[in-house]
N, C-alpha and C. Protein backbone atom coordinates (compact mmCIF):
# COMPACT_ATOMS: atom_id res chain seq x y z
N MET A 1 40.38 22.01 -28.48
CA MET A 1 38.99 22.86 -28.66
C MET A 1 38.51 21.40 -29.19
N THR A 2 38.34 20.86 -30.60
CA THR A 2 37.38 20.12 -31.06
C THR A 2 37.09 18.43 -30.08
N LYS A 3 37.77 18.35 -29.56
CA LYS A 3 38.13 16.86 -28.28
C LYS A 3 37.01 17.82 -27.29
N ILE A 4 37.10 18.96 -26.78
CA ILE A 4 36.39 18.99 -25.20
C ILE A 4 34.66 19.68 -26.59
N SER A 5 34.85 19.52 -27.38
CA SER A 5 33.40 19.86 -28.24
C SER A 5 33.03 18.70 -27.92
N THR A 6 33.34 17.99 -28.71
CA THR A 6 32.95 16.63 -29.31
C THR A 6 32.69 15.86 -27.86
N TYR A 7 32.46 15.63 -26.84
CA TYR A 7 32.61 15.43 -25.16
C TYR A 7 32.04 15.85 -24.78
N LEU A 8 31.63 16.98 -24.59
CA LEU A 8 30.04 17.93 -24.32
C LEU A 8 29.63 17.66 -25.36
N SER A 9 29.36 17.57 -26.82
CA SER A 9 28.31 17.15 -27.20
C SER A 9 27.62 15.62 -27.19
N ILE A 10 28.43 14.66 -27.10
CA ILE A 10 28.24 13.44 -26.79
C ILE A 10 27.34 13.48 -25.14
N SER A 11 28.34 14.29 -23.71
CA SER A 11 27.84 14.20 -22.74
C SER A 11 26.18 14.69 -22.63
N LEU A 12 26.10 16.06 -24.07
CA LEU A 12 24.92 16.34 -23.78
C LEU A 12 23.60 15.30 -24.58
N ILE A 13 24.10 14.32 -25.94
CA ILE A 13 23.20 13.65 -25.98
C ILE A 13 23.17 12.55 -25.12
N ILE A 14 24.48 12.13 -24.57
CA ILE A 14 23.71 11.11 -23.66
C ILE A 14 22.46 11.16 -22.43
N ILE A 15 22.67 12.95 -21.66
CA ILE A 15 21.67 13.40 -20.55
C ILE A 15 20.52 13.44 -21.55
N SER A 16 20.59 13.90 -22.74
CA SER A 16 18.77 14.42 -23.31
C SER A 16 18.33 12.57 -23.39
N PHE A 17 19.51 12.02 -23.65
CA PHE A 17 18.88 10.82 -23.54
C PHE A 17 17.99 10.48 -22.63
N ILE A 18 18.35 10.77 -21.72
CA ILE A 18 18.13 9.69 -20.15
C ILE A 18 16.85 11.04 -19.91
N VAL A 19 16.78 12.03 -19.87
CA VAL A 19 15.61 12.82 -19.31
C VAL A 19 14.78 12.76 -20.47
N GLY A 20 14.95 12.34 -21.47
CA GLY A 20 14.24 11.65 -22.71
C GLY A 20 13.06 10.75 -22.17
N ILE A 21 13.82 9.62 -21.53
CA ILE A 21 13.52 8.26 -21.45
C ILE A 21 12.77 8.96 -19.88
N GLY A 22 13.21 8.90 -18.89
CA GLY A 22 12.52 9.28 -17.34
C GLY A 22 10.99 10.24 -18.11
N VAL A 23 11.35 11.22 -18.67
CA VAL A 23 9.82 12.23 -19.30
C VAL A 23 8.59 11.39 -19.88
N GLY A 24 9.43 10.62 -20.72
CA GLY A 24 8.34 9.50 -21.42
C GLY A 24 7.45 8.32 -20.40
N TYR A 25 8.44 7.83 -20.02
CA TYR A 25 7.57 6.91 -19.04
C TYR A 25 7.01 7.03 -18.04
N SER A 26 7.13 8.58 -18.17
CA SER A 26 6.25 9.57 -16.85
C SER A 26 4.45 10.06 -17.66
N PHE A 27 4.76 9.20 -18.64
CA PHE A 27 3.32 9.74 -19.51
C PHE A 27 2.78 7.92 -19.62
N THR A 28 3.07 7.27 -19.24
CA THR A 28 2.83 5.76 -20.01
C THR A 28 1.55 5.93 -18.96
N PRO A 29 0.83 4.53 -19.00
CA PRO A 29 -0.80 4.64 -17.96
C PRO A 29 0.91 3.46 -16.86
N GLN A 30 1.33 2.78 -17.29
CA GLN A 30 2.22 2.00 -15.75
C GLN A 30 2.38 3.13 -15.00
N TYR A 31 3.12 3.88 -15.27
CA TYR A 31 3.50 5.03 -14.35
C TYR A 31 2.67 5.61 -13.13
N ASN A 32 1.68 6.10 -14.53
CA ASN A 32 0.56 7.02 -13.89
C ASN A 32 -0.53 6.88 -12.94
N LEU A 33 -0.40 4.62 -12.86
CA LEU A 33 -1.58 3.81 -11.96
C LEU A 33 -0.23 3.33 -10.65
N SER A 34 0.94 3.33 -11.50
CA SER A 34 1.56 3.39 -9.93
C SER A 34 1.72 4.55 -8.59
N MET A 35 1.31 5.83 -9.46
CA MET A 35 1.16 6.61 -8.31
C MET A 35 -0.03 6.47 -7.72
N TYR A 36 -1.08 5.56 -7.58
CA TYR A 36 -2.59 6.18 -7.35
C TYR A 36 -2.31 6.63 -6.10
N ASP A 37 -3.35 7.38 -5.64
CA ASP A 37 -3.90 8.06 -3.89
C ASP A 37 -4.15 6.37 -2.96
N LYS A 38 -3.36 6.26 -2.31
CA LYS A 38 -3.22 4.95 -1.24
C LYS A 38 -4.89 5.59 -0.77
N ASN A 39 -5.09 6.97 -0.41
CA ASN A 39 -6.23 7.63 0.94
C ASN A 39 -7.35 6.78 0.27
N SER A 40 -7.50 6.94 -1.35
CA SER A 40 -8.66 6.86 -2.02
C SER A 40 -9.20 5.27 -2.09
N MET A 41 -7.89 3.93 -1.97
CA MET A 41 -8.55 2.89 -2.12
C MET A 41 -8.94 2.41 -3.22
N ASP A 42 -8.49 3.38 -4.96
CA ASP A 42 -8.71 3.23 -5.65
C ASP A 42 -7.48 1.93 -6.79
N LEU A 43 -7.64 1.49 -7.30
CA LEU A 43 -6.69 0.33 -7.60
C LEU A 43 -6.48 0.64 -9.37
N GLY A 44 -6.66 1.86 -9.57
CA GLY A 44 -6.68 1.82 -11.08
C GLY A 44 -7.65 1.37 -12.16
N ARG A 45 -7.26 1.42 -12.94
CA ARG A 45 -7.81 0.03 -14.50
C ARG A 45 -7.57 -1.68 -13.90
N ALA A 46 -8.38 -2.35 -14.50
CA ALA A 46 -8.22 -3.66 -14.73
C ALA A 46 -7.17 -3.98 -15.61
N ASP A 47 -5.90 -4.20 -15.72
CA ASP A 47 -5.04 -4.41 -16.22
C ASP A 47 -4.31 -5.30 -15.54
N LYS A 48 -2.60 -5.48 -16.28
CA LYS A 48 -2.10 -7.10 -15.82
C LYS A 48 -1.18 -6.34 -14.41
N TRP A 49 -1.57 -5.11 -14.10
CA TRP A 49 -0.75 -4.76 -12.70
C TRP A 49 -1.49 -4.88 -11.65
N VAL A 50 -3.17 -4.96 -11.94
CA VAL A 50 -4.12 -4.32 -10.85
C VAL A 50 -3.89 -5.44 -9.38
N ASP A 51 -3.46 -6.78 -9.93
CA ASP A 51 -3.27 -7.69 -8.62
C ASP A 51 -2.33 -7.38 -7.90
N LEU A 52 -1.00 -6.61 -8.13
CA LEU A 52 -0.16 -6.19 -7.57
C LEU A 52 -0.34 -5.12 -6.96
N ARG A 53 -1.00 -4.16 -7.03
CA ARG A 53 -1.00 -2.86 -6.68
C ARG A 53 -2.62 -2.89 -5.51
N TYR A 54 -2.80 -3.93 -5.36
CA TYR A 54 -3.83 -4.49 -4.89
C TYR A 54 -3.02 -5.09 -3.66
N ILE A 55 -2.17 -5.90 -3.74
CA ILE A 55 -1.17 -6.34 -2.99
C ILE A 55 -0.11 -5.82 -2.30
N ASP A 56 0.11 -4.52 -2.96
CA ASP A 56 0.92 -3.74 -2.06
C ASP A 56 0.02 -2.77 -0.97
N ALA A 57 -1.20 -2.62 -1.85
CA ALA A 57 -2.36 -1.68 -0.86
C ALA A 57 -2.79 -2.06 0.31
N MET A 58 -3.29 -3.53 0.18
CA MET A 58 -3.35 -4.47 1.23
C MET A 58 -2.70 -4.94 2.24
N ILE A 59 -1.19 -4.87 1.79
CA ILE A 59 0.23 -4.73 2.57
C ILE A 59 -0.18 -3.40 3.76
N THR A 60 -0.45 -2.52 2.37
CA THR A 60 -0.17 -1.11 3.73
C THR A 60 -1.63 -0.99 4.72
N HIS A 61 -2.85 -1.74 4.15
CA HIS A 61 -4.18 -1.66 4.54
C HIS A 61 -3.48 -2.07 6.29
N HIS A 62 -3.09 -3.60 6.25
CA HIS A 62 -2.98 -4.47 7.22
C HIS A 62 -1.89 -3.80 8.09
N ARG A 63 -0.74 -3.01 7.48
CA ARG A 63 0.12 -2.37 8.00
C ARG A 63 -0.78 -1.26 9.11
N GLY A 64 -1.21 -0.49 8.82
CA GLY A 64 -1.79 0.85 9.31
C GLY A 64 -3.16 -0.25 10.34
N ALA A 65 -3.48 -1.11 10.60
CA ALA A 65 -4.35 -1.80 11.20
C ALA A 65 -3.46 -2.21 12.62
N ILE A 66 -2.84 -2.54 12.18
CA ILE A 66 -1.25 -2.53 13.02
C ILE A 66 -0.84 -1.73 14.04
N LEU A 67 -0.49 -0.69 13.16
CA LEU A 67 -0.06 0.47 13.86
C LEU A 67 -0.69 1.49 15.02
N VAL A 68 -2.19 1.72 14.27
CA VAL A 68 -3.51 1.80 14.79
C VAL A 68 -3.27 0.44 16.91
N ALA A 69 -3.61 -0.28 16.31
CA ALA A 69 -3.80 -1.30 17.29
C ALA A 69 -2.58 -0.74 18.58
N LYS A 70 -1.38 -0.72 18.17
CA LYS A 70 -0.64 -0.82 19.17
C LYS A 70 -0.32 0.37 20.06
N GLN A 71 -0.91 1.25 19.14
CA GLN A 71 -2.15 2.79 20.47
C GLN A 71 -2.64 2.21 21.39
N ALA A 72 -3.39 1.19 20.75
CA ALA A 72 -4.33 0.62 21.70
C ALA A 72 -4.07 0.20 23.32
N GLU A 73 -2.71 -0.43 23.18
CA GLU A 73 -2.33 -1.21 24.23
C GLU A 73 -2.27 -0.40 25.52
N GLN A 74 -2.49 0.73 25.49
CA GLN A 74 -2.92 1.75 26.58
C GLN A 74 -4.24 1.50 27.23
N SER A 75 -4.96 1.13 26.43
CA SER A 75 -6.63 1.14 26.87
C SER A 75 -6.93 0.76 28.45
N ASN A 76 -7.59 0.74 29.15
CA ASN A 76 -7.79 -0.07 29.67
C ASN A 76 -8.40 -0.96 30.09
N ARG A 77 -9.36 -1.27 29.12
CA ARG A 77 -10.54 -2.25 28.48
C ARG A 77 -10.12 -3.13 28.25
N PRO A 78 -10.16 -4.43 28.79
CA PRO A 78 -9.85 -5.54 28.13
C PRO A 78 -10.39 -6.00 26.88
N GLU A 79 -11.63 -5.33 26.49
CA GLU A 79 -11.67 -5.84 24.90
C GLU A 79 -11.63 -5.18 24.12
N VAL A 80 -11.11 -3.94 24.02
CA VAL A 80 -10.16 -3.29 23.82
C VAL A 80 -8.60 -3.89 23.81
N GLN A 81 -8.03 -4.20 24.84
CA GLN A 81 -6.43 -4.49 24.35
C GLN A 81 -6.87 -6.11 23.87
N ASN A 82 -7.85 -6.81 24.06
CA ASN A 82 -7.69 -8.33 23.24
C ASN A 82 -8.20 -8.12 21.54
N LEU A 83 -8.66 -7.23 21.90
CA LEU A 83 -8.85 -6.69 20.17
C LEU A 83 -7.31 -6.43 19.89
N ALA A 84 -6.75 -5.23 20.04
CA ALA A 84 -5.41 -4.92 19.66
C ALA A 84 -4.82 -5.93 19.88
N LYS A 85 -4.55 -7.35 20.43
CA LYS A 85 -3.35 -8.26 20.82
C LYS A 85 -4.21 -9.28 19.16
N GLU A 86 -5.04 -9.50 19.01
CA GLU A 86 -5.55 -9.97 18.22
C GLU A 86 -4.85 -9.53 16.58
N ILE A 87 -5.17 -8.34 16.40
CA ILE A 87 -4.72 -7.22 15.48
C ILE A 87 -3.65 -7.52 15.15
N GLN A 88 -2.38 -6.98 15.94
CA GLN A 88 -0.74 -7.22 16.08
C GLN A 88 -0.42 -9.01 15.72
N LYS A 89 -1.81 -9.85 16.02
CA LYS A 89 -1.27 -11.23 16.03
C LYS A 89 -1.46 -11.73 14.61
N ASN A 90 -2.54 -11.78 14.02
CA ASN A 90 -3.19 -12.01 13.04
C ASN A 90 -2.41 -11.03 11.59
N GLU A 91 -2.75 -9.73 11.48
CA GLU A 91 -2.28 -9.17 10.65
C GLU A 91 -0.71 -9.55 10.04
N PRO A 92 0.48 -9.74 10.78
CA PRO A 92 1.28 -9.94 10.16
C PRO A 92 1.27 -11.10 9.31
N LEU A 93 0.59 -12.53 9.27
CA LEU A 93 0.37 -13.57 8.64
C LEU A 93 -0.52 -12.78 7.69
N LEU A 94 -0.87 -12.24 7.43
CA LEU A 94 -1.83 -12.11 6.15
C LEU A 94 -0.56 -10.81 4.96
N ILE A 95 0.25 -10.18 6.45
CA ILE A 95 1.32 -9.14 5.30
C ILE A 95 2.46 -10.38 4.81
N ASP A 96 2.68 -11.33 5.66
CA ASP A 96 3.42 -12.49 5.09
C ASP A 96 2.76 -12.95 4.08
N GLU A 97 2.11 -13.67 4.00
CA GLU A 97 1.00 -14.01 2.31
C GLU A 97 1.02 -13.27 1.42
N LEU A 98 0.53 -11.93 2.00
CA LEU A 98 0.80 -11.33 0.33
C LEU A 98 2.12 -10.72 -0.10
N TYR A 99 3.65 -10.58 0.38
CA TYR A 99 4.48 -10.56 0.10
C TYR A 99 4.52 -11.87 -0.76
N THR A 100 4.71 -13.10 -0.08
CA THR A 100 5.02 -14.27 -0.60
C THR A 100 4.52 -14.18 -2.10
N TRP A 101 3.40 -13.54 -2.17
CA TRP A 101 2.62 -13.38 -4.05
C TRP A 101 3.07 -12.87 -4.72
N LYS A 102 3.78 -11.84 -4.43
CA LYS A 102 4.33 -10.66 -4.73
C LYS A 102 5.86 -10.66 -5.25
N LYS A 103 5.75 -11.32 -4.19
CA LYS A 103 7.70 -12.24 -4.97
C LYS A 103 7.26 -13.19 -6.02
N ASN A 104 6.63 -13.99 -5.51
CA ASN A 104 6.29 -15.43 -6.40
C ASN A 104 5.89 -15.14 -8.22
N TRP A 105 4.50 -13.87 -7.85
CA TRP A 105 3.99 -13.67 -9.13
C TRP A 105 4.60 -12.63 -10.17
N TYR A 106 5.50 -11.87 -9.17
CA TYR A 106 5.92 -10.30 -9.90
C TYR A 106 7.09 -10.13 -9.66
N GLY A 107 8.02 -11.07 -8.64
CA GLY A 107 9.51 -10.74 -8.83
C GLY A 107 9.94 -9.83 -7.47
N ASP A 108 8.99 -9.46 -7.34
CA ASP A 108 9.17 -8.14 -7.17
C ASP A 108 9.16 -8.60 -4.82
N THR A 109 10.35 -7.88 -4.52
CA THR A 109 11.00 -8.02 -2.92
C THR A 109 10.54 -6.51 -1.87
N LYS A 110 10.45 -5.85 -2.79
CA LYS A 110 10.35 -4.34 -2.41
C LYS A 110 9.17 -4.09 -1.08
N LYS A 111 10.02 -3.60 -0.44
CA LYS A 111 8.75 -3.56 0.88
C LYS A 111 8.17 -2.46 0.44
N VAL A 112 6.89 -2.23 1.09
CA VAL A 112 5.90 -1.35 1.35
C VAL A 112 5.43 -0.45 2.57
N THR A 113 5.93 0.59 1.64
CA THR A 113 6.10 2.02 2.74
C THR A 113 4.77 2.08 4.03
N ASP A 114 5.34 2.11 5.40
CA ASP A 114 3.77 1.50 5.96
C ASP A 114 2.82 3.31 5.77
N PRO A 115 1.86 3.10 6.16
CA PRO A 115 0.90 4.41 6.08
C PRO A 115 0.70 5.10 7.18
N ILE A 116 0.68 6.28 6.98
CA ILE A 116 0.44 7.36 7.91
C ILE A 116 -1.10 7.00 8.92
N VAL A 117 -1.11 7.01 9.93
CA VAL A 117 -2.51 6.82 10.53
C VAL A 117 -2.81 7.86 12.11
N PRO A 118 -3.45 7.91 11.55
CA PRO A 118 -4.21 8.81 13.10
C PRO A 118 -3.81 8.40 14.49
N ASN A 119 -3.22 9.42 15.45
CA ASN A 119 -2.92 9.69 16.33
C ASN A 119 -4.00 9.86 17.47
N LEU A 120 -3.90 8.57 18.53
CA LEU A 120 -5.29 8.63 18.79
C LEU A 120 -5.20 9.05 20.30
N GLY A 121 -4.18 9.78 20.43
CA GLY A 121 -3.15 10.60 21.70
C GLY A 121 -3.13 9.90 22.56
N SER A 122 -3.14 10.40 24.11
CA SER A 122 -3.08 9.74 25.20
C SER A 122 -4.26 9.07 25.25
N TYR A 123 -4.12 8.54 26.98
CA TYR A 123 -5.31 7.52 26.94
C TYR A 123 -6.21 8.79 28.11
N ASN A 124 -7.44 8.73 27.75
CA ASN A 124 -8.12 9.59 28.53
C ASN A 124 -9.59 8.89 28.56
N ASP A 125 -11.04 9.67 29.10
CA ASP A 125 -12.13 8.64 28.43
C ASP A 125 -12.37 8.43 27.51
N THR A 126 -12.39 9.25 26.66
CA THR A 126 -13.13 8.57 25.09
C THR A 126 -11.88 8.50 24.29
N PHE A 127 -10.73 8.00 24.65
CA PHE A 127 -10.09 7.15 23.79
C PHE A 127 -10.00 5.79 23.52
N ASP A 128 -10.70 4.94 23.83
CA ASP A 128 -11.17 3.85 23.66
C ASP A 128 -12.50 3.73 22.42
N LEU A 129 -13.19 5.09 22.27
CA LEU A 129 -14.26 5.65 21.17
C LEU A 129 -13.15 6.02 19.67
N ARG A 130 -12.00 6.47 20.28
CA ARG A 130 -11.49 7.14 19.18
C ARG A 130 -10.87 6.12 18.58
N PHE A 131 -10.36 5.18 19.18
CA PHE A 131 -9.95 4.01 18.34
C PHE A 131 -10.68 2.96 18.23
N LEU A 132 -11.84 2.98 18.51
CA LEU A 132 -12.66 1.80 17.70
C LEU A 132 -13.10 3.09 16.20
N ASN A 133 -13.22 4.25 16.67
CA ASN A 133 -13.79 5.28 15.53
C ASN A 133 -12.24 4.77 14.02
N ALA A 134 -11.47 5.01 14.43
CA ALA A 134 -10.13 4.38 13.48
C ALA A 134 -10.22 3.43 12.84
N VAL A 135 -10.51 2.35 13.76
CA VAL A 135 -10.87 0.74 13.13
C VAL A 135 -12.50 0.59 12.04
N ILE A 136 -13.36 1.62 12.67
CA ILE A 136 -13.63 1.35 11.45
C ILE A 136 -14.13 1.92 10.51
N ALA A 137 -13.39 3.29 10.49
CA ALA A 137 -12.69 4.08 9.26
C ALA A 137 -12.02 3.11 8.21
N HIS A 138 -10.87 2.36 9.01
CA HIS A 138 -10.00 1.82 8.33
C HIS A 138 -10.83 0.95 7.72
N HIS A 139 -11.36 -0.33 8.79
CA HIS A 139 -11.95 -1.19 7.54
C HIS A 139 -13.14 -0.86 6.31
N GLU A 140 -13.99 0.36 6.58
CA GLU A 140 -14.41 0.48 5.66
C GLU A 140 -13.67 1.15 4.36
N ASN A 141 -12.42 1.46 4.73
CA ASN A 141 -11.47 1.61 3.58
C ASN A 141 -11.44 0.22 2.81
N GLY A 142 -10.77 -0.70 3.75
CA GLY A 142 -10.44 -2.45 3.15
C GLY A 142 -11.77 -2.78 2.25
N ILE A 143 -12.92 -1.81 2.51
CA ILE A 143 -14.25 -3.02 2.05
C ILE A 143 -14.43 -2.21 0.47
N VAL A 144 -13.74 -0.79 0.53
CA VAL A 144 -13.98 -0.09 -0.95
C VAL A 144 -12.53 -0.96 -1.78
N MET A 145 -11.43 -0.73 -1.17
CA MET A 145 -10.51 -1.71 -1.78
C MET A 145 -11.09 -3.08 -2.65
N THR A 146 -11.64 -4.07 -1.28
CA THR A 146 -11.84 -5.46 -2.08
C THR A 146 -12.80 -5.49 -2.33
N GLU A 147 -14.12 -4.57 -2.75
CA GLU A 147 -15.01 -4.53 -3.95
C GLU A 147 -14.55 -3.97 -4.53
N ASP A 148 -13.48 -2.87 -5.22
CA ASP A 148 -12.42 -2.30 -6.57
C ASP A 148 -12.28 -3.98 -7.00
N ILE A 149 -11.63 -4.32 -6.37
CA ILE A 149 -10.51 -5.70 -7.03
C ILE A 149 -11.74 -7.03 -7.52
N ARG A 150 -12.44 -7.27 -6.79
CA ARG A 150 -13.55 -8.39 -7.19
C ARG A 150 -13.82 -8.04 -8.72
N VAL A 151 -14.00 -6.81 -9.02
CA VAL A 151 -14.32 -6.75 -10.39
C VAL A 151 -13.35 -6.45 -11.35
N LYS A 152 -12.37 -6.53 -10.96
CA LYS A 152 -10.87 -6.36 -11.91
C LYS A 152 -9.85 -7.70 -11.72
N SER A 153 -9.55 -7.85 -11.02
CA SER A 153 -8.88 -9.65 -10.69
C SER A 153 -9.88 -10.96 -11.43
N SER A 154 -8.68 -11.80 -11.82
CA SER A 154 -9.54 -12.97 -12.05
C SER A 154 -8.92 -13.69 -11.47
N ARG A 155 -8.07 -13.65 -10.29
CA ARG A 155 -7.14 -14.85 -9.88
C ARG A 155 -7.75 -14.80 -8.53
N ASN A 156 -7.54 -15.94 -8.46
CA ASN A 156 -8.69 -16.83 -7.62
C ASN A 156 -7.87 -15.91 -6.28
N GLU A 157 -6.91 -16.78 -5.67
CA GLU A 157 -5.72 -16.04 -4.62
C GLU A 157 -6.63 -14.69 -4.24
N ILE A 158 -6.34 -13.58 -5.42
CA ILE A 158 -6.92 -12.35 -4.80
C ILE A 158 -8.08 -12.25 -4.21
N LEU A 159 -9.13 -13.03 -5.11
CA LEU A 159 -10.15 -13.05 -4.67
C LEU A 159 -10.74 -13.50 -3.55
N ASP A 160 -10.16 -14.69 -3.31
CA ASP A 160 -10.53 -15.28 -2.33
C ASP A 160 -10.30 -14.38 -0.88
N ASN A 161 -8.90 -13.45 -1.35
CA ASN A 161 -8.48 -12.61 -0.39
C ASN A 161 -9.99 -11.69 0.09
N ALA A 162 -9.94 -11.05 -1.36
CA ALA A 162 -10.57 -9.73 -0.93
C ALA A 162 -12.38 -10.65 0.20
N ASN A 163 -12.47 -11.52 -0.47
CA ASN A 163 -14.11 -11.96 -0.17
C ASN A 163 -14.06 -12.37 1.33
N ALA A 164 -12.98 -12.47 1.90
CA ALA A 164 -12.28 -13.05 3.44
C ALA A 164 -12.30 -11.62 3.59
């Protein structure tokens, strides 16, 4: 009986310790900033993690452009098809550069989750307009994010990326 009580006591102490660490971490600024709302494009405060949050958000942003562009392949307009092809050709290069920075600067090799993008539906008379509206809204969000990082980062590569 004493042996069981000792094992039970030790188990409860270990479980309490683990739960305490988890609860304590959830109140730290790093946890709160890592849980930023990707839809708002707010990168949080200017701290040592702001560049990493920007990198992750930009990877998500570029993946969103690719996912929307894939839908535009069904367009009958050569201009829309060409824009979609350019996006699908160029965005992966930008994503690769961001993943390289993420790995080199932070040792972080985690893949970023794809964003939820608007479903443009089947091709009809208004499809191209829906695509263009989605691309405009997408880039407006990107502009907000790059304006935010310009005042929070001091890393030249990040600032050059934001300016581009």
